[in-house]
Amino acid sequence: MAPVRAALSAALVVSLGSGITAAGAQTPAPQPTHAPAPGARTSMSATAPTALTAKGPFDVKLTPQGTATDPAAVGRMSLDKAFHGDLEGTSLGEMLAVRTEVAGSAGYVAIERVTGTLAGRKGTFALQHWGMMDKGAPDLRISVIPDSATGELAGLTGTMTIDIQPGGKHFYTFTYTLPPAAK
């Protein structure tokens, strides 16, 4: 949990223009499971698409927008990413963040538009980030904005986690679903 805490803290510090170059890390939110009641009938046609997983490294450049001299001020950063691996593409976005006077407490939000190829399909989609640290306890969520996908990626849904290794190398894990490709 310490690497997650450090990575989220670094993202919040970065968003305030401190010069550290790291992005957020996250722990996946628990997913509800639904089992049919004993004796209940299930329909094969009502099954949900199988979730797929894409993984790989990514590069990120964060650029301060404006100057935030007060540590509690809202800081703004532009995001410029290059994804490699199972997702090949780039993204541009914006991040807003605030640190508090209490060590380890802060929050950030960000939105980025990804353009690239996933599972051999080309298009765009938007990701929304929501991150909070409460006295060092991290909570970070990154999700595809509903109905934001275009082109061959239309209908894409999913969530992303980020892992920052010692030395600052960034990796993503993207759990997603896609409707069948049009023929």
C-alpha atoms as a PDB file:
ATOM      1  CA  MET A   1       0.000   0.000   0.000  1.00  0.00           C
ATOM      2  CA  ALA A   2       2.956   2.355   0.565  1.00  0.00           C
ATOM      3  CA  PRO A   3       3.800   2.608  -3.184  1.00  0.00           C
ATOM      4  CA  VAL A   4       0.157   3.486  -3.929  1.00  0.00           C
ATOM      5  CA  ARG A   5       0.164   6.144  -1.207  1.00  0.00           C
ATOM      6  CA  ALA A   6       3.457   7.593  -2.454  1.00  0.00           C
ATOM      7  CA  ALA A   7       2.298   7.635  -6.060  1.00  0.00           C
ATOM      8  CA  LEU A   8      -1.012   9.347  -5.287  1.00  0.00           C
ATOM      9  CA  SER A   9       0.767  11.858  -3.080  1.00  0.00           C
ATOM     10  CA  ALA A  10       3.247  12.526  -5.891  1.00  0.00           C
ATOM     11  CA  ALA A  11       0.393  13.113  -8.344  1.00  0.00           C
ATOM     12  CA  LEU A  12      -1.145  15.662  -6.019  1.00  0.00           C
ATOM     13  CA  VAL A  13       2.170  17.383  -5.415  1.00  0.00           C
ATOM     14  CA  VAL A  14       2.833  17.424  -9.168  1.00  0.00           C
ATOM     15  CA  SER A  15      -0.519  19.002  -9.857  1.00  0.00           C
ATOM     16  CA  LEU A  16       0.501  21.924  -7.677  1.00  0.00           C
ATOM     17  CA  GLY A  17       3.619  22.543  -9.716  1.00  0.00           C
ATOM     18  CA  SER A  18       6.287  21.123  -7.428  1.00  0.00           C
ATOM     19  CA  GLY A  19       8.279  19.689 -10.323  1.00  0.00           C
ATOM     20  CA  ILE A  20       7.954  16.013  -9.386  1.00  0.00           C
ATOM     21  CA  THR A  21       6.944  14.031 -12.486  1.00  0.00           C
ATOM     22  CA  ALA A  22       4.608  11.243 -11.411  1.00  0.00           C
ATOM     23  CA  ALA A  23       0.975  10.410 -12.002  1.00  0.00           C
ATOM     24  CA  GLY A  24      -1.622   8.821  -9.721  1.00  0.00           C
ATOM     25  CA  ALA A  25      -1.792   5.190  -8.644  1.00  0.00           C
ATOM     26  CA  GLN A  26      -4.925   3.467  -7.631  1.00  0.00           C
ATOM     27  CA  THR A  27      -6.407   0.509  -5.918  1.00  0.00           C
ATOM     28  CA  PRO A  28      -9.317  -1.022  -7.791  1.00  0.00           C
ATOM     29  CA  ALA A  29     -12.738  -0.542  -6.230  1.00  0.00           C
ATOM     30  CA  PRO A  30     -14.399  -3.784  -5.141  1.00  0.00           C
ATOM     31  CA  GLN A  31     -16.795  -5.035  -7.782  1.00  0.00           C
ATOM     32  CA  PRO A  32     -20.186  -6.426  -6.728  1.00  0.00           C
ATOM     33  CA  THR A  33     -20.897 -10.017  -7.598  1.00  0.00           C
ATOM     34  CA  HIS A  34     -24.374 -11.212  -8.388  1.00  0.00           C
ATOM     35  CA  ALA A  35     -25.218 -14.897  -8.107  1.00  0.00           C
ATOM     36  CA  PRO A  36     -28.636 -16.207  -9.046  1.00  0.00           C
ATOM     37  CA  ALA A  37     -30.882 -17.341  -6.221  1.00  0.00           C
ATOM     38  CA  PRO A  38     -30.989 -21.132  -5.744  1.00  0.00           C
ATOM     39  CA  GLY A  39     -33.313 -22.619  -8.337  1.00  0.00           C
ATOM     40  CA  ALA A  40     -33.455 -19.392 -10.383  1.00  0.00           C
ATOM     41  CA  ARG A  41     -33.373 -19.692 -14.179  1.00  0.00           C
ATOM     42  CA  THR A  42     -30.702 -17.841 -16.100  1.00  0.00           C
ATOM     43  CA  SER A  43     -30.695 -16.899 -19.769  1.00  0.00           C
ATOM     44  CA  MET A  44     -27.622 -17.327 -21.935  1.00  0.00           C
ATOM     45  CA  SER A  45     -28.680 -14.337 -24.048  1.00  0.00           C
ATOM     46  CA  ALA A  46     -28.540 -12.026 -21.031  1.00  0.00           C
ATOM     47  CA  THR A  47     -24.861 -12.631 -20.253  1.00  0.00           C
ATOM     48  CA  ALA A  48     -22.620  -9.605 -20.020  1.00  0.00           C
ATOM     49  CA  PRO A  49     -19.607  -9.282 -22.329  1.00  0.00           C
ATOM     50  CA  THR A  50     -16.402 -10.774 -20.965  1.00  0.00           C
ATOM     51  CA  ALA A  51     -14.044  -8.199 -19.470  1.00  0.00           C
ATOM     52  CA  LEU A  52     -10.677  -7.993 -21.205  1.00  0.00           C
ATOM     53  CA  THR A  53      -7.395  -6.663 -19.844  1.00  0.00           C
ATOM     54  CA  ALA A  54      -4.820  -4.452 -21.576  1.00  0.00           C
ATOM     55  CA  LYS A  55      -1.442  -3.754 -19.967  1.00  0.00           C
ATOM     56  CA  GLY A  56       1.688  -1.824 -20.725  1.00  0.00           C
ATOM     57  CA  PRO A  57       3.919   1.115 -19.874  1.00  0.00           C
ATOM     58  CA  PHE A  58       3.123   4.748 -20.502  1.00  0.00           C
ATOM     59  CA  ASP A  59       5.011   8.019 -20.515  1.00  0.00           C
ATOM     60  CA  VAL A  60       3.509  11.142 -18.983  1.00  0.00           C
ATOM     61  CA  LYS A  61       4.436  14.805 -19.174  1.00  0.00           C
ATOM     62  CA  LEU A  62       2.750  17.169 -16.713  1.00  0.00           C
ATOM     63  CA  THR A  63       2.982  20.895 -17.384  1.00  0.00           C
ATOM     64  CA  PRO A  64       1.942  23.470 -14.754  1.00  0.00           C
ATOM     65  CA  GLN A  65      -0.700  25.928 -15.945  1.00  0.00           C
ATOM     66  CA  GLY A  66      -0.394  29.173 -14.009  1.00  0.00           C
ATOM     67  CA  THR A  67       1.371  29.589 -10.698  1.00  0.00           C
ATOM     68  CA  ALA A  68       0.124  28.282  -7.368  1.00  0.00           C
ATOM     69  CA  THR A  69       2.202  29.748  -4.547  1.00  0.00           C
ATOM     70  CA  ASP A  70      -0.255  28.865  -1.763  1.00  0.00           C
ATOM     71  CA  PRO A  71      -0.009  25.108  -0.972  1.00  0.00           C
ATOM     72  CA  ALA A  72      -3.799  25.013  -0.408  1.00  0.00           C
ATOM     73  CA  ALA A  73      -4.568  26.737  -3.735  1.00  0.00           C
ATOM     74  CA  VAL A  74      -6.098  24.852  -6.634  1.00  0.00           C
ATOM     75  CA  GLY A  75      -3.273  23.802  -8.940  1.00  0.00           C
ATOM     76  CA  ARG A  76      -3.818  23.026 -12.617  1.00  0.00           C
ATOM     77  CA  MET A  77      -1.685  20.839 -14.895  1.00  0.00           C
ATOM     78  CA  SER A  78      -1.932  19.760 -18.512  1.00  0.00           C
ATOM     79  CA  LEU A  79      -1.423  16.043 -19.206  1.00  0.00           C
ATOM     80  CA  ASP A  80       0.344  14.623 -22.258  1.00  0.00           C
ATOM     81  CA  LYS A  81       0.654  10.806 -22.320  1.00  0.00           C
ATOM     82  CA  ALA A  82       1.905   8.105 -24.681  1.00  0.00           C
ATOM     83  CA  PHE A  83       0.529   4.593 -24.060  1.00  0.00           C
ATOM     84  CA  HIS A  84       2.436   1.498 -25.188  1.00  0.00           C
ATOM     85  CA  GLY A  85       1.688  -2.216 -25.070  1.00  0.00           C
ATOM     86  CA  ASP A  86      -1.853  -3.509 -25.490  1.00  0.00           C
ATOM     87  CA  LEU A  87      -3.137   0.073 -25.811  1.00  0.00           C
ATOM     88  CA  GLU A  88      -1.124   2.081 -28.343  1.00  0.00           C
ATOM     89  CA  GLY A  89      -1.949   5.755 -28.411  1.00  0.00           C
ATOM     90  CA  THR A  90      -1.685   9.206 -26.937  1.00  0.00           C
ATOM     91  CA  SER A  91      -3.808  11.368 -24.665  1.00  0.00           C
ATOM     92  CA  LEU A  92      -4.176  15.005 -23.734  1.00  0.00           C
ATOM     93  CA  GLY A  93      -5.960  16.243 -20.634  1.00  0.00           C
ATOM     94  CA  GLU A  94      -6.236  18.566 -17.659  1.00  0.00           C
ATOM     95  CA  MET A  95      -5.803  17.985 -13.913  1.00  0.00           C
ATOM     96  CA  LEU A  96      -6.934  20.074 -10.931  1.00  0.00           C
ATOM     97  CA  ALA A  97      -5.668  19.376  -7.406  1.00  0.00           C
ATOM     98  CA  VAL A  98      -5.498  20.728  -3.878  1.00  0.00           C
ATOM     99  CA  ARG A  99      -3.210  19.825  -0.989  1.00  0.00           C
ATOM    100  CA  THR A 100      -4.228  20.639   2.551  1.00  0.00           C
ATOM    101  CA  GLU A 101      -2.194  21.723   5.556  1.00  0.00           C
ATOM    102  CA  VAL A 102      -2.617  18.203   6.986  1.00  0.00           C
ATOM    103  CA  ALA A 103       0.190  15.915   5.803  1.00  0.00           C
ATOM    104  CA  GLY A 104      -1.111  13.218   3.469  1.00  0.00           C
ATOM    105  CA  SER A 105      -4.491  14.847   2.761  1.00  0.00           C
ATOM    106  CA  ALA A 106      -5.250  16.090  -0.747  1.00  0.00           C
ATOM    107  CA  GLY A 107      -7.473  15.556  -3.757  1.00  0.00           C
ATOM    108  CA  TYR A 108      -7.428  15.728  -7.542  1.00  0.00           C
ATOM    109  CA  VAL A 109      -9.643  15.306 -10.575  1.00  0.00           C
ATOM    110  CA  ALA A 110      -8.592  14.962 -14.206  1.00  0.00           C
ATOM    111  CA  ILE A 111     -10.059  14.248 -17.610  1.00  0.00           C
ATOM    112  CA  GLU A 112      -8.085  13.076 -20.619  1.00  0.00           C
ATOM    113  CA  ARG A 113      -9.006  12.111 -24.191  1.00  0.00           C
ATOM    114  CA  VAL A 114      -7.187   9.006 -25.480  1.00  0.00           C
ATOM    115  CA  THR A 115      -6.640   8.469 -29.215  1.00  0.00           C
ATOM    116  CA  GLY A 116      -5.298   5.095 -30.250  1.00  0.00           C
ATOM    117  CA  THR A 117      -5.692   1.410 -30.980  1.00  0.00           C
ATOM    118  CA  LEU A 118      -7.039  -1.161 -28.515  1.00  0.00           C
ATOM    119  CA  ALA A 119      -7.577  -4.823 -29.457  1.00  0.00           C
ATOM    120  CA  GLY A 120      -6.893  -3.912 -33.087  1.00  0.00           C
ATOM    121  CA  ARG A 121      -9.650  -1.287 -33.088  1.00  0.00           C
ATOM    122  CA  LYS A 122      -9.029   2.442 -33.621  1.00  0.00           C
ATOM    123  CA  GLY A 123     -10.844   5.334 -32.019  1.00  0.00           C
ATOM    124  CA  THR A 124     -10.957   7.714 -29.082  1.00  0.00           C
ATOM    125  CA  PHE A 125     -12.348   7.637 -25.551  1.00  0.00           C
ATOM    126  CA  ALA A 126     -12.249   9.839 -22.466  1.00  0.00           C
ATOM    127  CA  LEU A 127     -10.989   8.870 -19.012  1.00  0.00           C
ATOM    128  CA  GLN A 128     -12.089  10.559 -15.794  1.00  0.00           C
ATOM    129  CA  HIS A 129      -9.811  10.478 -12.724  1.00  0.00           C
ATOM    130  CA  TRP A 130     -10.978  11.015  -9.149  1.00  0.00           C
ATOM    131  CA  GLY A 131      -8.334  10.838  -6.420  1.00  0.00           C
ATOM    132  CA  MET A 132      -8.389  11.515  -2.700  1.00  0.00           C
ATOM    133  CA  MET A 133      -5.918  11.035   0.128  1.00  0.00           C
ATOM    134  CA  ASP A 134      -7.228  11.164   3.690  1.00  0.00           C
ATOM    135  CA  LYS A 135      -4.221  11.397   6.032  1.00  0.00           C
ATOM    136  CA  GLY A 136      -2.292   9.085   3.719  1.00  0.00           C
ATOM    137  CA  ALA A 137      -5.102   6.626   2.888  1.00  0.00           C
ATOM    138  CA  PRO A 138      -5.487   6.696  -0.929  1.00  0.00           C
ATOM    139  CA  ASP A 139      -8.654   6.284  -2.955  1.00  0.00           C
ATOM    140  CA  LEU A 140      -8.193   6.665  -6.723  1.00  0.00           C
ATOM    141  CA  ARG A 141     -10.599   5.784  -9.532  1.00  0.00           C
ATOM    142  CA  ILE A 142     -10.072   6.081 -13.270  1.00  0.00           C
ATOM    143  CA  SER A 143     -13.013   5.200 -15.511  1.00  0.00           C
ATOM    144  CA  VAL A 144     -14.047   5.507 -19.146  1.00  0.00           C
ATOM    145  CA  ILE A 145     -16.644   8.275 -19.365  1.00  0.00           C
ATOM    146  CA  PRO A 146     -19.881   6.602 -20.523  1.00  0.00           C
ATOM    147  CA  ASP A 147     -20.587   6.942 -24.261  1.00  0.00           C
ATOM    148  CA  SER A 148     -17.351   8.900 -24.849  1.00  0.00           C
ATOM    149  CA  ALA A 149     -15.775   6.304 -27.179  1.00  0.00           C
ATOM    150  CA  THR A 150     -15.776   6.910 -30.938  1.00  0.00           C
ATOM    151  CA  GLY A 151     -14.854   5.089 -34.126  1.00  0.00           C
ATOM    152  CA  GLU A 152     -14.219   1.359 -33.807  1.00  0.00           C
ATOM    153  CA  LEU A 153     -14.096   1.779 -29.991  1.00  0.00           C
ATOM    154  CA  ALA A 154     -17.723   2.980 -29.724  1.00  0.00           C
ATOM    155  CA  GLY A 155     -19.413   1.271 -26.759  1.00  0.00           C
ATOM    156  CA  LEU A 156     -16.148   0.869 -24.802  1.00  0.00           C
ATOM    157  CA  THR A 157     -16.481   0.730 -21.000  1.00  0.00           C
ATOM    158  CA  GLY A 158     -13.786   0.126 -18.399  1.00  0.00           C
ATOM    159  CA  THR A 159     -11.543   1.139 -15.543  1.00  0.00           C
ATOM    160  CA  MET A 160      -7.810   1.731 -15.362  1.00  0.00           C
ATOM    161  CA  THR A 161      -5.256   1.310 -12.625  1.00  0.00           C
ATOM    162  CA  ILE A 162      -1.809   2.883 -12.591  1.00  0.00           C
ATOM    163  CA  ASP A 163       1.344   1.505 -11.010  1.00  0.00           C
ATOM    164  CA  ILE A 164       4.460   3.643 -10.600  1.00  0.00           C
ATOM    165  CA  GLN A 165       7.582   1.565 -10.052  1.00  0.00           C
ATOM    166  CA  PRO A 166      10.662   2.730  -8.137  1.00  0.00           C
ATOM    167  CA  GLY A 167      12.554   5.043 -10.458  1.00  0.00           C
ATOM    168  CA  GLY A 168       9.317   6.525 -11.804  1.00  0.00           C
ATOM    169  CA  LYS A 169       8.394   4.094 -14.632  1.00  0.00           C
ATOM    170  CA  HIS A 170       4.595   4.133 -15.150  1.00  0.00           C
ATOM    171  CA  PHE A 171       2.427   1.113 -16.042  1.00  0.00           C
ATOM    172  CA  TYR A 172      -1.321   0.829 -16.676  1.00  0.00           C
ATOM    173  CA  THR A 173      -3.782  -2.044 -16.381  1.00  0.00           C
ATOM    174  CA  PHE A 174      -6.995  -1.377 -18.295  1.00  0.00           C
ATOM    175  CA  THR A 175      -9.948  -3.689 -17.636  1.00  0.00           C
ATOM    176  CA  TYR A 176     -12.537  -3.109 -20.347  1.00  0.00           C
ATOM    177  CA  THR A 177     -15.407  -4.433 -22.428  1.00  0.00           C
ATOM    178  CA  LEU A 178     -16.115  -3.751 -26.095  1.00  0.00           C
ATOM    179  CA  PRO A 179     -19.202  -4.662 -28.090  1.00  0.00           C
ATOM    180  CA  PRO A 180     -18.605  -7.061 -31.007  1.00  0.00           C
ATOM    181  CA  ALA A 181     -16.906  -5.421 -33.992  1.00  0.00           C
ATOM    182  CA  ALA A 182     -19.193  -4.306 -36.818  1.00  0.00           C
ATOM    183  CA  LYS A 183     -18.958  -6.550 -39.883  1.00  0.00           C
END
